[in-house]
């Protein structure tokens, strides 16, 4: 299936494949105080994806300026996800879903730029 996510350039930047919780903690941002349940911890350890570019861009536009959104994202990336990439959650009504990738997931090699992300 086609999947879309906010990314850094170049697309092979290792930070594109690190869960938000680990990125935030590595940068000294305290986020665990916002996580209250095991399900929220699990979500924070996944990689966020969207089912369409439309859903992804609408979410980015709505979240601009919020501290939760990492402002260094530069592009919307697209890849084809398969079961070989990891464990995927179901998409919500806004087209968002999480992937808990397997080590060396094939998706890491197959991203292309769809659109620039403007701050």
PDB file of N, CA and C in Angstrom:
ATOM      1  N   UNK A   1       0.829  -1.179   0.000  1.00  0.00           N
ATOM      2  CA  UNK A   1       0.000   0.000   0.000  1.00  0.00           C
ATOM      3  C   UNK A   1       0.874   1.242   0.000  1.00  0.00           C
ATOM      4  N   UNK A   2       0.412   2.295  -0.645  1.00  0.00           N
ATOM      5  CA  UNK A   2       1.125   3.566  -0.597  1.00  0.00           C
ATOM      6  C   UNK A   2       0.954   4.174   0.790  1.00  0.00           C
ATOM      7  N   UNK A   3       2.015   4.769   1.308  1.00  0.00           N
ATOM      8  CA  UNK A   3       1.986   5.392   2.626  1.00  0.00           C
ATOM      9  C   UNK A   3       2.825   6.662   2.585  1.00  0.00           C
ATOM     10  N   UNK A   4       2.440   7.640   3.387  1.00  0.00           N
ATOM     11  CA  UNK A   4       3.056   8.960   3.363  1.00  0.00           C
ATOM     12  C   UNK A   4       3.462   9.352   4.770  1.00  0.00           C
ATOM     13  N   UNK A   5       4.617  10.057   4.883  1.00  0.00           N
ATOM     14  CA  UNK A   5       5.055  10.531   6.198  1.00  0.00           C
ATOM     15  C   UNK A   5       5.908  11.787   6.068  1.00  0.00           C
ATOM     16  N   UNK A   6       5.937  12.573   7.154  1.00  0.00           N
ATOM     17  CA  UNK A   6       6.786  13.755   7.221  1.00  0.00           C
ATOM     18  C   UNK A   6       8.222  13.274   7.376  1.00  0.00           C
ATOM     19  N   UNK A   7       9.141  13.888   6.616  1.00  0.00           N
ATOM     20  CA  UNK A   7      10.521  13.409   6.623  1.00  0.00           C
ATOM     21  C   UNK A   7      11.513  14.563   6.560  1.00  0.00           C
ATOM     22  N   UNK A   8      12.760  14.214   6.853  1.00  0.00           N
ATOM     23  CA  UNK A   8      13.891  15.120   6.697  1.00  0.00           C
ATOM     24  C   UNK A   8      14.582  14.774   5.383  1.00  0.00           C
ATOM     25  N   UNK A   9      15.221  15.766   4.786  1.00  0.00           N
ATOM     26  CA  UNK A   9      16.055  15.476   3.623  1.00  0.00           C
ATOM     27  C   UNK A   9      17.503  15.408   4.105  1.00  0.00           C
ATOM     28  N   UNK A  10      18.285  14.551   3.513  1.00  0.00           N
ATOM     29  CA  UNK A  10      17.943  13.586   2.474  1.00  0.00           C
ATOM     30  C   UNK A  10      17.064  12.471   3.042  1.00  0.00           C
ATOM     31  N   UNK A  11      16.343  11.808   2.175  1.00  0.00           N
ATOM     32  CA  UNK A  11      15.379  10.806   2.610  1.00  0.00           C
ATOM     33  C   UNK A  11      16.005   9.613   3.310  1.00  0.00           C
ATOM     34  N   UNK A  12      17.298   9.400   3.115  1.00  0.00           N
ATOM     35  CA  UNK A  12      17.964   8.299   3.819  1.00  0.00           C
ATOM     36  C   UNK A  12      18.531   8.739   5.181  1.00  0.00           C
ATOM     37  N   UNK A  13      18.156   9.927   5.638  1.00  0.00           N
ATOM     38  CA  UNK A  13      18.563  10.412   6.950  1.00  0.00           C
ATOM     39  C   UNK A  13      18.082   9.411   8.004  1.00  0.00           C
ATOM     40  N   UNK A  14      18.975   8.880   8.831  1.00  0.00           N
ATOM     41  CA  UNK A  14      18.565   7.880   9.830  1.00  0.00           C
ATOM     42  C   UNK A  14      17.467   8.369  10.775  1.00  0.00           C
ATOM     43  N   UNK A  15      17.385   9.673  11.007  1.00  0.00           N
ATOM     44  CA  UNK A  15      16.352  10.212  11.899  1.00  0.00           C
ATOM     45  C   UNK A  15      14.937   9.987  11.366  1.00  0.00           C
ATOM     46  N   UNK A  16      14.816   9.725  10.071  1.00  0.00           N
ATOM     47  CA  UNK A  16      13.496   9.446   9.500  1.00  0.00           C
ATOM     48  C   UNK A  16      12.913   8.137  10.015  1.00  0.00           C
ATOM     49  N   UNK A  17      13.721   7.313  10.621  1.00  0.00           N
ATOM     50  CA  UNK A  17      13.285   5.983  11.031  1.00  0.00           C
ATOM     51  C   UNK A  17      13.459   5.749  12.533  1.00  0.00           C
ATOM     52  N   UNK A  18      13.493   6.856  13.301  1.00  0.00           N
ATOM     53  CA  UNK A  18      13.579   6.797  14.760  1.00  0.00           C
ATOM     54  C   UNK A  18      12.228   7.263  15.314  1.00  0.00           C
ATOM     55  N   UNK A  19      11.625   6.520  16.227  1.00  0.00           N
ATOM     56  CA  UNK A  19      10.335   6.927  16.797  1.00  0.00           C
ATOM     57  C   UNK A  19      10.418   8.300  17.475  1.00  0.00           C
ATOM     58  N   UNK A  20       9.308   9.031  17.433  1.00  0.00           N
ATOM     59  CA  UNK A  20       9.263  10.380  18.007  1.00  0.00           C
ATOM     60  C   UNK A  20       9.665  10.402  19.479  1.00  0.00           C
ATOM     61  N   UNK A  21       9.248   9.419  20.247  1.00  0.00           N
ATOM     62  CA  UNK A  21       9.581   9.390  21.664  1.00  0.00           C
ATOM     63  C   UNK A  21      11.093   9.371  21.863  1.00  0.00           C
ATOM     64  N   UNK A  22      11.801   8.552  21.109  1.00  0.00           N
ATOM     65  CA  UNK A  22      13.257   8.469  21.249  1.00  0.00           C
ATOM     66  C   UNK A  22      13.935   9.727  20.728  1.00  0.00           C
ATOM     67  N   UNK A  23      13.413  10.318  19.637  1.00  0.00           N
ATOM     68  CA  UNK A  23      13.980  11.578  19.130  1.00  0.00           C
ATOM     69  C   UNK A  23      13.838  12.680  20.172  1.00  0.00           C
ATOM     70  N   UNK A  24      12.643  12.796  20.730  1.00  0.00           N
ATOM     71  CA  UNK A  24      12.387  13.860  21.708  1.00  0.00           C
ATOM     72  C   UNK A  24      13.285  13.719  22.922  1.00  0.00           C
ATOM     73  N   UNK A  25      13.395  12.506  23.430  1.00  0.00           N
ATOM     74  CA  UNK A  25      14.236  12.304  24.607  1.00  0.00           C
ATOM     75  C   UNK A  25      15.705  12.532  24.286  1.00  0.00           C
ATOM     76  N   UNK A  26      16.131  12.170  23.084  1.00  0.00           N
ATOM     77  CA  UNK A  26      17.507  12.413  22.672  1.00  0.00           C
ATOM     78  C   UNK A  26      17.837  13.890  22.556  1.00  0.00           C
ATOM     79  N   UNK A  27      16.804  14.702  22.313  1.00  0.00           N
ATOM     80  CA  UNK A  27      16.982  16.154  22.209  1.00  0.00           C
ATOM     81  C   UNK A  27      16.725  16.860  23.537  1.00  0.00           C
ATOM     82  N   UNK A  28      16.474  16.076  24.579  1.00  0.00           N
ATOM     83  CA  UNK A  28      16.257  16.671  25.891  1.00  0.00           C
ATOM     84  C   UNK A  28      14.834  17.153  26.141  1.00  0.00           C
ATOM     85  N   UNK A  29      13.911  16.838  25.235  1.00  0.00           N
ATOM     86  CA  UNK A  29      12.509  17.219  25.449  1.00  0.00           C
ATOM     87  C   UNK A  29      11.847  16.136  26.302  1.00  0.00           C
ATOM     88  N   UNK A  30      11.129  16.562  27.317  1.00  0.00           N
ATOM     89  CA  UNK A  30      10.456  15.617  28.207  1.00  0.00           C
ATOM     90  C   UNK A  30       9.051  15.390  27.671  1.00  0.00           C
ATOM     91  N   UNK A  31       8.792  14.176  27.244  1.00  0.00           N
ATOM     92  CA  UNK A  31       7.465  13.868  26.712  1.00  0.00           C
ATOM     93  C   UNK A  31       6.769  12.750  27.463  1.00  0.00           C
ATOM     94  N   UNK A  32       7.507  12.009  28.254  1.00  0.00           N
ATOM     95  CA  UNK A  32       6.872  10.881  28.946  1.00  0.00           C
ATOM     96  C   UNK A  32       5.808  11.347  29.937  1.00  0.00           C
ATOM     97  N   UNK A  33       5.862  12.603  30.374  1.00  0.00           N
ATOM     98  CA  UNK A  33       4.830  13.091  31.284  1.00  0.00           C
ATOM     99  C   UNK A  33       3.475  13.164  30.595  1.00  0.00           C
ATOM    100  N   UNK A  34       3.456  13.213  29.261  1.00  0.00           N
ATOM    101  CA  UNK A  34       2.206  13.250  28.510  1.00  0.00           C
ATOM    102  C   UNK A  34       1.687  11.847  28.211  1.00  0.00           C
ATOM    103  N   UNK A  35       2.514  10.847  28.453  1.00  0.00           N
ATOM    104  CA  UNK A  35       2.147   9.468  28.134  1.00  0.00           C
ATOM    105  C   UNK A  35       1.654   8.804  29.406  1.00  0.00           C
ATOM    106  N   UNK A  36       0.377   8.413  29.395  1.00  0.00           N
ATOM    107  CA  UNK A  36      -0.227   7.898  30.616  1.00  0.00           C
ATOM    108  C   UNK A  36      -0.550   6.417  30.571  1.00  0.00           C
ATOM    109  N   UNK A  37      -0.573   5.821  29.396  1.00  0.00           N
ATOM    110  CA  UNK A  37      -0.979   4.420  29.303  1.00  0.00           C
ATOM    111  C   UNK A  37       0.025   3.637  28.454  1.00  0.00           C
ATOM    112  N   UNK A  38       0.036   2.322  28.605  1.00  0.00           N
ATOM    113  CA  UNK A  38       0.902   1.505  27.737  1.00  0.00           C
ATOM    114  C   UNK A  38       0.570   1.688  26.251  1.00  0.00           C
ATOM    115  N   UNK A  39      -0.697   1.882  25.917  1.00  0.00           N
ATOM    116  CA  UNK A  39      -1.073   2.086  24.511  1.00  0.00           C
ATOM    117  C   UNK A  39      -0.459   3.374  23.967  1.00  0.00           C
ATOM    118  N   UNK A  40      -0.415   4.436  24.779  1.00  0.00           N
ATOM    119  CA  UNK A  40       0.204   5.683  24.341  1.00  0.00           C
ATOM    120  C   UNK A  40       1.711   5.515  24.167  1.00  0.00           C
ATOM    121  N   UNK A  41       2.340   4.743  25.038  1.00  0.00           N
ATOM    122  CA  UNK A  41       3.770   4.464  24.894  1.00  0.00           C
ATOM    123  C   UNK A  41       4.016   3.709  23.600  1.00  0.00           C
ATOM    124  N   UNK A  42       3.191   2.721  23.334  1.00  0.00           N
ATOM    125  CA  UNK A  42       3.326   1.939  22.100  1.00  0.00           C
ATOM    126  C   UNK A  42       3.182   2.847  20.876  1.00  0.00           C
ATOM    127  N   UNK A  43       2.177   3.730  20.883  1.00  0.00           N
ATOM    128  CA  UNK A  43       1.993   4.666  19.766  1.00  0.00           C
ATOM    129  C   UNK A  43       3.222   5.553  19.582  1.00  0.00           C
ATOM    130  N   UNK A  44       3.780   6.039  20.686  1.00  0.00           N
ATOM    131  CA  UNK A  44       4.930   6.940  20.614  1.00  0.00           C
ATOM    132  C   UNK A  44       6.182   6.241  20.108  1.00  0.00           C
ATOM    133  N   UNK A  45       6.199   4.928  20.161  1.00  0.00           N
ATOM    134  CA  UNK A  45       7.350   4.166  19.681  1.00  0.00           C
ATOM    135  C   UNK A  45       7.185   3.706  18.230  1.00  0.00           C
ATOM    136  N   UNK A  46       6.072   4.046  17.605  1.00  0.00           N
ATOM    137  CA  UNK A  46       5.856   3.705  16.200  1.00  0.00           C
ATOM    138  C   UNK A  46       6.242   4.856  15.297  1.00  0.00           C
ATOM    139  N   UNK A  47       6.310   4.578  14.015  1.00  0.00           N
ATOM    140  CA  UNK A  47       6.527   5.619  13.005  1.00  0.00           C
ATOM    141  C   UNK A  47       5.172   6.010  12.442  1.00  0.00           C
ATOM    142  N   UNK A  48       4.901   7.304  12.387  1.00  0.00           N
ATOM    143  CA  UNK A  48       3.619   7.799  11.897  1.00  0.00           C
ATOM    144  C   UNK A  48       3.565   7.815  10.379  1.00  0.00           C
ATOM    145  N   UNK A  49       2.453   7.338   9.859  1.00  0.00           N
ATOM    146  CA  UNK A  49       2.195   7.347   8.425  1.00  0.00           C
ATOM    147  C   UNK A  49       0.766   7.796   8.178  1.00  0.00           C
ATOM    148  N   UNK A  50       0.489   8.149   6.919  1.00  0.00           N
ATOM    149  CA  UNK A  50      -0.859   8.503   6.489  1.00  0.00           C
ATOM    150  C   UNK A  50      -1.194   7.715   5.233  1.00  0.00           C
ATOM    151  N   UNK A  51      -2.487   7.465   5.046  1.00  0.00           N
ATOM    152  CA  UNK A  51      -2.937   6.677   3.904  1.00  0.00           C
ATOM    153  C   UNK A  51      -2.921   7.464   2.601  1.00  0.00           C
ATOM    154  N   UNK A  52      -3.004   8.799   2.687  1.00  0.00           N
ATOM    155  CA  UNK A  52      -2.979   9.631   1.475  1.00  0.00           C
ATOM    156  C   UNK A  52      -2.140  10.882   1.720  1.00  0.00           C
ATOM    157  N   UNK A  53      -1.668  11.483   0.646  1.00  0.00           N
ATOM    158  CA  UNK A  53      -0.951  12.756   0.744  1.00  0.00           C
ATOM    159  C   UNK A  53      -1.890  13.836   1.268  1.00  0.00           C
ATOM    160  N   UNK A  54      -3.156  13.769   0.861  1.00  0.00           N
ATOM    161  CA  UNK A  54      -4.144  14.760   1.313  1.00  0.00           C
ATOM    162  C   UNK A  54      -4.257  14.753   2.848  1.00  0.00           C
ATOM    163  N   UNK A  55      -4.424  13.571   3.445  1.00  0.00           N
ATOM    164  CA  UNK A  55      -4.515  13.486   4.902  1.00  0.00           C
ATOM    165  C   UNK A  55      -3.240  13.992   5.565  1.00  0.00           C
ATOM    166  N   UNK A  56      -2.091  13.621   5.026  1.00  0.00           N
ATOM    167  CA  UNK A  56      -0.817  14.032   5.618  1.00  0.00           C
ATOM    168  C   UNK A  56      -0.658  15.551   5.569  1.00  0.00           C
ATOM    169  N   UNK A  57      -0.919  16.148   4.423  1.00  0.00           N
ATOM    170  CA  UNK A  57      -0.746  17.593   4.288  1.00  0.00           C
ATOM    171  C   UNK A  57      -1.763  18.365   5.121  1.00  0.00           C
ATOM    172  N   UNK A  58      -2.981  17.862   5.234  1.00  0.00           N
ATOM    173  CA  UNK A  58      -3.992  18.508   6.074  1.00  0.00           C
ATOM    174  C   UNK A  58      -3.567  18.468   7.542  1.00  0.00           C
ATOM    175  N   UNK A  59      -3.008  17.347   7.980  1.00  0.00           N
ATOM    176  CA  UNK A  59      -2.542  17.223   9.359  1.00  0.00           C
ATOM    177  C   UNK A  59      -1.368  18.157   9.606  1.00  0.00           C
ATOM    178  N   UNK A  60      -0.446  18.219   8.666  1.00  0.00           N
ATOM    179  CA  UNK A  60       0.708  19.114   8.812  1.00  0.00           C
ATOM    180  C   UNK A  60       0.249  20.563   8.913  1.00  0.00           C
ATOM    181  N   UNK A  61      -0.669  20.945   8.048  1.00  0.00           N
ATOM    182  CA  UNK A  61      -1.166  22.326   8.046  1.00  0.00           C
ATOM    183  C   UNK A  61      -1.857  22.644   9.373  1.00  0.00           C
ATOM    184  N   UNK A  62      -2.652  21.713   9.887  1.00  0.00           N
ATOM    185  CA  UNK A  62      -3.369  21.937  11.141  1.00  0.00           C
ATOM    186  C   UNK A  62      -2.425  21.975  12.341  1.00  0.00           C
ATOM    187  N   UNK A  63      -1.305  21.269  12.276  1.00  0.00           N
ATOM    188  CA  UNK A  63      -0.397  21.160  13.420  1.00  0.00           C
ATOM    189  C   UNK A  63       0.750  22.159  13.392  1.00  0.00           C
ATOM    190  N   UNK A  64       0.887  22.924  12.323  1.00  0.00           N
ATOM    191  CA  UNK A  64       2.005  23.866  12.245  1.00  0.00           C
ATOM    192  C   UNK A  64       2.021  24.781  13.462  1.00  0.00           C
ATOM    193  N   UNK A  65       3.188  24.934  14.029  1.00  0.00           N
ATOM    194  CA  UNK A  65       3.348  25.825  15.163  1.00  0.00           C
ATOM    195  C   UNK A  65       3.153  25.155  16.513  1.00  0.00           C
ATOM    196  N   UNK A  66       2.639  23.949  16.518  1.00  0.00           N
ATOM    197  CA  UNK A  66       2.473  23.251  17.790  1.00  0.00           C
ATOM    198  C   UNK A  66       3.814  22.676  18.229  1.00  0.00           C
ATOM    199  N   UNK A  67       4.123  22.733  19.521  1.00  0.00           N
ATOM    200  CA  UNK A  67       5.400  22.200  19.994  1.00  0.00           C
ATOM    201  C   UNK A  67       5.572  20.711  19.680  1.00  0.00           C
ATOM    202  N   UNK A  68       4.458  19.994  19.564  1.00  0.00           N
ATOM    203  CA  UNK A  68       4.534  18.555  19.314  1.00  0.00           C
ATOM    204  C   UNK A  68       5.109  18.251  17.931  1.00  0.00           C
ATOM    205  N   UNK A  69       4.929  19.157  16.975  1.00  0.00           N
ATOM    206  CA  UNK A  69       5.398  18.921  15.614  1.00  0.00           C
ATOM    207  C   UNK A  69       6.860  19.325  15.506  1.00  0.00           C
ATOM    208  N   UNK A  70       7.674  18.431  15.015  1.00  0.00           N
ATOM    209  CA  UNK A  70       9.086  18.734  14.856  1.00  0.00           C
ATOM    210  C   UNK A  70       9.249  19.685  13.663  1.00  0.00           C
ATOM    211  N   UNK A  71       9.741  20.893  13.872  1.00  0.00           N
ATOM    212  CA  UNK A  71       9.775  21.900  12.800  1.00  0.00           C
ATOM    213  C   UNK A  71      10.832  21.666  11.725  1.00  0.00           C
ATOM    214  N   UNK A  72      11.657  20.672  11.905  1.00  0.00           N
ATOM    215  CA  UNK A  72      12.710  20.473  10.912  1.00  0.00           C
ATOM    216  C   UNK A  72      12.304  19.560   9.763  1.00  0.00           C
ATOM    217  N   UNK A  73      11.083  19.037   9.795  1.00  0.00           N
ATOM    218  CA  UNK A  73      10.641  18.239   8.652  1.00  0.00           C
ATOM    219  C   UNK A  73      10.676  19.119   7.415  1.00  0.00           C
ATOM    220  N   UNK A  74      11.144  18.562   6.319  1.00  0.00           N
ATOM    221  CA  UNK A  74      11.286  19.366   5.109  1.00  0.00           C
ATOM    222  C   UNK A  74      10.461  18.854   3.942  1.00  0.00           C
ATOM    223  N   UNK A  75      10.006  17.612   4.003  1.00  0.00           N
ATOM    224  CA  UNK A  75       9.335  17.047   2.836  1.00  0.00           C
ATOM    225  C   UNK A  75       8.304  16.004   3.245  1.00  0.00           C
ATOM    226  N   UNK A  76       7.351  15.796   2.363  1.00  0.00           N
ATOM    227  CA  UNK A  76       6.425  14.681   2.516  1.00  0.00           C
ATOM    228  C   UNK A  76       6.959  13.554   1.656  1.00  0.00           C
ATOM    229  N   UNK A  77       7.229  12.421   2.297  1.00  0.00           N
ATOM    230  CA  UNK A  77       7.751  11.260   1.584  1.00  0.00           C
ATOM    231  C   UNK A  77       6.680  10.218   1.356  1.00  0.00           C
ATOM    232  N   UNK A  78       6.880   9.417   0.325  1.00  0.00           N
ATOM    233  CA  UNK A  78       5.945   8.348  -0.031  1.00  0.00           C
ATOM    234  C   UNK A  78       6.735   7.059  -0.228  1.00  0.00           C
ATOM    235  N   UNK A  79       6.140   5.959   0.249  1.00  0.00           N
ATOM    236  CA  UNK A  79       6.739   4.655   0.020  1.00  0.00           C
ATOM    237  C   UNK A  79       5.619   3.629  -0.152  1.00  0.00           C
ATOM    238  N   UNK A  80       6.008   2.438  -0.518  1.00  0.00           N
ATOM    239  CA  UNK A  80       5.072   1.317  -0.564  1.00  0.00           C
ATOM    240  C   UNK A  80       5.365   0.445   0.645  1.00  0.00           C
ATOM    241  N   UNK A  81       4.366   0.274   1.500  1.00  0.00           N
ATOM    242  CA  UNK A  81       4.527  -0.579   2.678  1.00  0.00           C
ATOM    243  C   UNK A  81       3.988  -1.968   2.388  1.00  0.00           C
ATOM    244  N   UNK A  82       4.699  -2.957   2.923  1.00  0.00           N
ATOM    245  CA  UNK A  82       4.238  -4.344   2.851  1.00  0.00           C
ATOM    246  C   UNK A  82       4.365  -4.953   4.242  1.00  0.00           C
ATOM    247  N   UNK A  83       3.869  -6.141   4.404  1.00  0.00           N
ATOM    248  CA  UNK A  83       3.984  -6.833   5.687  1.00  0.00           C
ATOM    249  C   UNK A  83       5.439  -7.073   6.072  1.00  0.00           C
ATOM    250  N   UNK A  84       6.344  -7.043   5.107  1.00  0.00           N
ATOM    251  CA  UNK A  84       7.765  -7.228   5.393  1.00  0.00           C
ATOM    252  C   UNK A  84       8.372  -6.023   6.108  1.00  0.00           C
ATOM    253  N   UNK A  85       7.645  -4.891   6.123  1.00  0.00           N
ATOM    254  CA  UNK A  85       8.174  -3.675   6.739  1.00  0.00           C
ATOM    255  C   UNK A  85       7.976  -3.621   8.245  1.00  0.00           C
ATOM    256  N   UNK A  86       6.927  -4.237   8.745  1.00  0.00           N
ATOM    257  CA  UNK A  86       6.682  -4.185  10.175  1.00  0.00           C
ATOM    258  C   UNK A  86       5.236  -4.416  10.522  1.00  0.00           C
ATOM    259  N   UNK A  87       4.922  -4.153  11.762  1.00  0.00           N
ATOM    260  CA  UNK A  87       3.566  -4.319  12.272  1.00  0.00           C
ATOM    261  C   UNK A  87       2.848  -2.979  12.141  1.00  0.00           C
ATOM    262  N   UNK A  88       1.687  -2.981  11.488  1.00  0.00           N
ATOM    263  CA  UNK A  88       0.947  -1.749  11.216  1.00  0.00           C
ATOM    264  C   UNK A  88      -0.358  -1.719  11.988  1.00  0.00           C
ATOM    265  N   UNK A  89      -0.681  -0.540  12.512  1.00  0.00           N
ATOM    266  CA  UNK A  89      -1.987  -0.359  13.146  1.00  0.00           C
ATOM    267  C   UNK A  89      -3.011  -0.043  12.061  1.00  0.00           C
ATOM    268  N   UNK A  90      -4.269  -0.045  12.427  1.00  0.00           N
ATOM    269  CA  UNK A  90      -5.324   0.369  11.500  1.00  0.00           C
ATOM    270  C   UNK A  90      -5.323   1.886  11.414  1.00  0.00           C
ATOM    271  N   UNK A  91      -5.691   2.413  10.259  1.00  0.00           N
ATOM    272  CA  UNK A  91      -5.766   3.862  10.076  1.00  0.00           C
ATOM    273  C   UNK A  91      -7.006   4.414  10.774  1.00  0.00           C
ATOM    274  N   UNK A  92      -6.866   5.616  11.324  1.00  0.00           N
ATOM    275  CA  UNK A  92      -8.023   6.278  11.914  1.00  0.00           C
ATOM    276  C   UNK A  92      -8.780   7.058  10.834  1.00  0.00           C
ATOM    277  N   UNK A  93      -9.812   7.788  11.229  1.00  0.00           N
ATOM    278  CA  UNK A  93     -10.622   8.530  10.243  1.00  0.00           C
ATOM    279  C   UNK A  93      -9.830   9.619   9.531  1.00  0.00           C
ATOM    280  N   UNK A  94      -8.744  10.071  10.158  1.00  0.00           N
ATOM    281  CA  UNK A  94      -7.893  11.084   9.544  1.00  0.00           C
ATOM    282  C   UNK A  94      -6.779  10.492   8.699  1.00  0.00           C
ATOM    283  N   UNK A  95      -6.835   9.172   8.475  1.00  0.00           N
ATOM    284  CA  UNK A  95      -5.851   8.519   7.634  1.00  0.00           C
ATOM    285  C   UNK A  95      -4.523   8.214   8.309  1.00  0.00           C
ATOM    286  N   UNK A  96      -4.404   8.475   9.613  1.00  0.00           N
ATOM    287  CA  UNK A  96      -3.147   8.243  10.323  1.00  0.00           C
ATOM    288  C   UNK A  96      -3.068   6.812  10.848  1.00  0.00           C
ATOM    289  N   UNK A  97      -1.877   6.234  10.737  1.00  0.00           N
ATOM    290  CA  UNK A  97      -1.611   4.933  11.336  1.00  0.00           C
ATOM    291  C   UNK A  97      -0.140   4.845  11.706  1.00  0.00           C
ATOM    292  N   UNK A  98       0.181   3.896  12.558  1.00  0.00           N
ATOM    293  CA  UNK A  98       1.558   3.695  13.008  1.00  0.00           C
ATOM    294  C   UNK A  98       2.132   2.405  12.435  1.00  0.00           C
ATOM    295  N   UNK A  99       3.430   2.429  12.241  1.00  0.00           N
ATOM    296  CA  UNK A  99       4.164   1.229  11.847  1.00  0.00           C
ATOM    297  C   UNK A  99       5.283   1.028  12.858  1.00  0.00           C
ATOM    298  N   UNK A 100       5.363  -0.177  13.383  1.00  0.00           N
ATOM    299  CA  UNK A 100       6.493  -0.568  14.220  1.00  0.00           C
ATOM    300  C   UNK A 100       7.384  -1.399  13.307  1.00  0.00           C
ATOM    301  N   UNK A 101       8.409  -0.750  12.742  1.00  0.00           N
ATOM    302  CA  UNK A 101       9.190  -1.413  11.686  1.00  0.00           C
ATOM    303  C   UNK A 101      10.104  -2.507  12.204  1.00  0.00           C
ATOM    304  N   UNK A 102      10.298  -3.468  11.337  1.00  0.00           N
ATOM    305  CA  UNK A 102      11.312  -4.477  11.595  1.00  0.00           C
ATOM    306  C   UNK A 102      12.674  -3.861  11.284  1.00  0.00           C
ATOM    307  N   UNK A 103      13.705  -4.382  11.915  1.00  0.00           N
ATOM    308  CA  UNK A 103      15.053  -3.926  11.598  1.00  0.00           C
ATOM    309  C   UNK A 103      15.322  -4.231  10.131  1.00  0.00           C
ATOM    310  N   UNK A 104      15.916  -3.288   9.432  1.00  0.00           N
ATOM    311  CA  UNK A 104      16.226  -3.398   8.000  1.00  0.00           C
ATOM    312  C   UNK A 104      14.957  -3.536   7.154  1.00  0.00           C
ATOM    313  N   UNK A 105      13.886  -2.864   7.565  1.00  0.00           N
ATOM    314  CA  UNK A 105      12.638  -2.904   6.798  1.00  0.00           C
ATOM    315  C   UNK A 105      12.874  -2.381   5.382  1.00  0.00           C
ATOM    316  N   UNK A 106      12.338  -3.057   4.376  1.00  0.00           N
ATOM    317  CA  UNK A 106      12.546  -2.638   2.986  1.00  0.00           C
ATOM    318  C   UNK A 106      12.085  -1.210   2.693  1.00  0.00           C
ATOM    319  N   UNK A 107      11.071  -0.718   3.413  1.00  0.00           N
ATOM    320  CA  UNK A 107      10.553   0.627   3.135  1.00  0.00           C
ATOM    321  C   UNK A 107      11.632   1.690   3.242  1.00  0.00           C
ATOM    322  N   UNK A 108      12.644   1.464   4.057  1.00  0.00           N
ATOM    323  CA  UNK A 108      13.672   2.470   4.270  1.00  0.00           C
ATOM    324  C   UNK A 108      14.431   2.804   2.987  1.00  0.00           C
ATOM    325  N   UNK A 109      14.375   1.941   2.025  1.00  0.00           N
ATOM    326  CA  UNK A 109      15.108   2.162   0.772  1.00  0.00           C
ATOM    327  C   UNK A 109      14.221   2.688  -0.350  1.00  0.00           C
ATOM    328  N   UNK A 110      12.918   2.798  -0.114  1.00  0.00           N
ATOM    329  CA  UNK A 110      12.025   3.080  -1.224  1.00  0.00           C
ATOM    330  C   UNK A 110      11.216   4.352  -1.138  1.00  0.00           C
ATOM    331  N   UNK A 111      11.688   5.376  -0.438  1.00  0.00           N
ATOM    332  CA  UNK A 111      10.931   6.621  -0.340  1.00  0.00           C
ATOM    333  C   UNK A 111      11.210   7.537  -1.516  1.00  0.00           C
ATOM    334  N   UNK A 112      10.192   8.310  -1.875  1.00  0.00           N
ATOM    335  CA  UNK A 112      10.350   9.363  -2.875  1.00  0.00           C
ATOM    336  C   UNK A 112       9.677  10.629  -2.326  1.00  0.00           C
ATOM    337  N   UNK A 113      10.132  11.790  -2.787  1.00  0.00           N
ATOM    338  CA  UNK A 113       9.571  13.055  -2.365  1.00  0.00           C
ATOM    339  C   UNK A 113       8.256  13.293  -3.087  1.00  0.00           C
ATOM    340  N   UNK A 114       7.236  13.684  -2.318  1.00  0.00           N
ATOM    341  CA  UNK A 114       5.932  14.003  -2.890  1.00  0.00           C
ATOM    342  C   UNK A 114       5.747  15.507  -2.946  1.00  0.00           C
ATOM    343  N   UNK A 115       6.091  16.200  -1.839  1.00  0.00           N
ATOM    344  CA  UNK A 115       5.889  17.652  -1.771  1.00  0.00           C
ATOM    345  C   UNK A 115       6.782  18.219  -0.678  1.00  0.00           C
ATOM    346  N   UNK A 116       7.221  19.475  -0.846  1.00  0.00           N
ATOM    347  CA  UNK A 116       7.966  20.124   0.230  1.00  0.00           C
ATOM    348  C   UNK A 116       7.007  20.499   1.354  1.00  0.00           C
ATOM    349  N   UNK A 117       7.517  20.564   2.578  1.00  0.00           N
ATOM    350  CA  UNK A 117       6.730  21.004   3.712  1.00  0.00           C
ATOM    351  C   UNK A 117       7.204  22.406   4.086  1.00  0.00           C
ATOM    352  N   UNK A 118       6.296  23.330   4.118  1.00  0.00           N
ATOM    353  CA  UNK A 118       6.647  24.718   4.427  1.00  0.00           C
ATOM    354  C   UNK A 118       6.282  25.021   5.861  1.00  0.00           C
ATOM    355  N   UNK A 119       7.191  25.711   6.555  1.00  0.00           N
ATOM    356  CA  UNK A 119       6.929  26.075   7.946  1.00  0.00           C
ATOM    357  C   UNK A 119       6.011  27.265   8.015  1.00  0.00           C
TER     358      UNK A 119
END
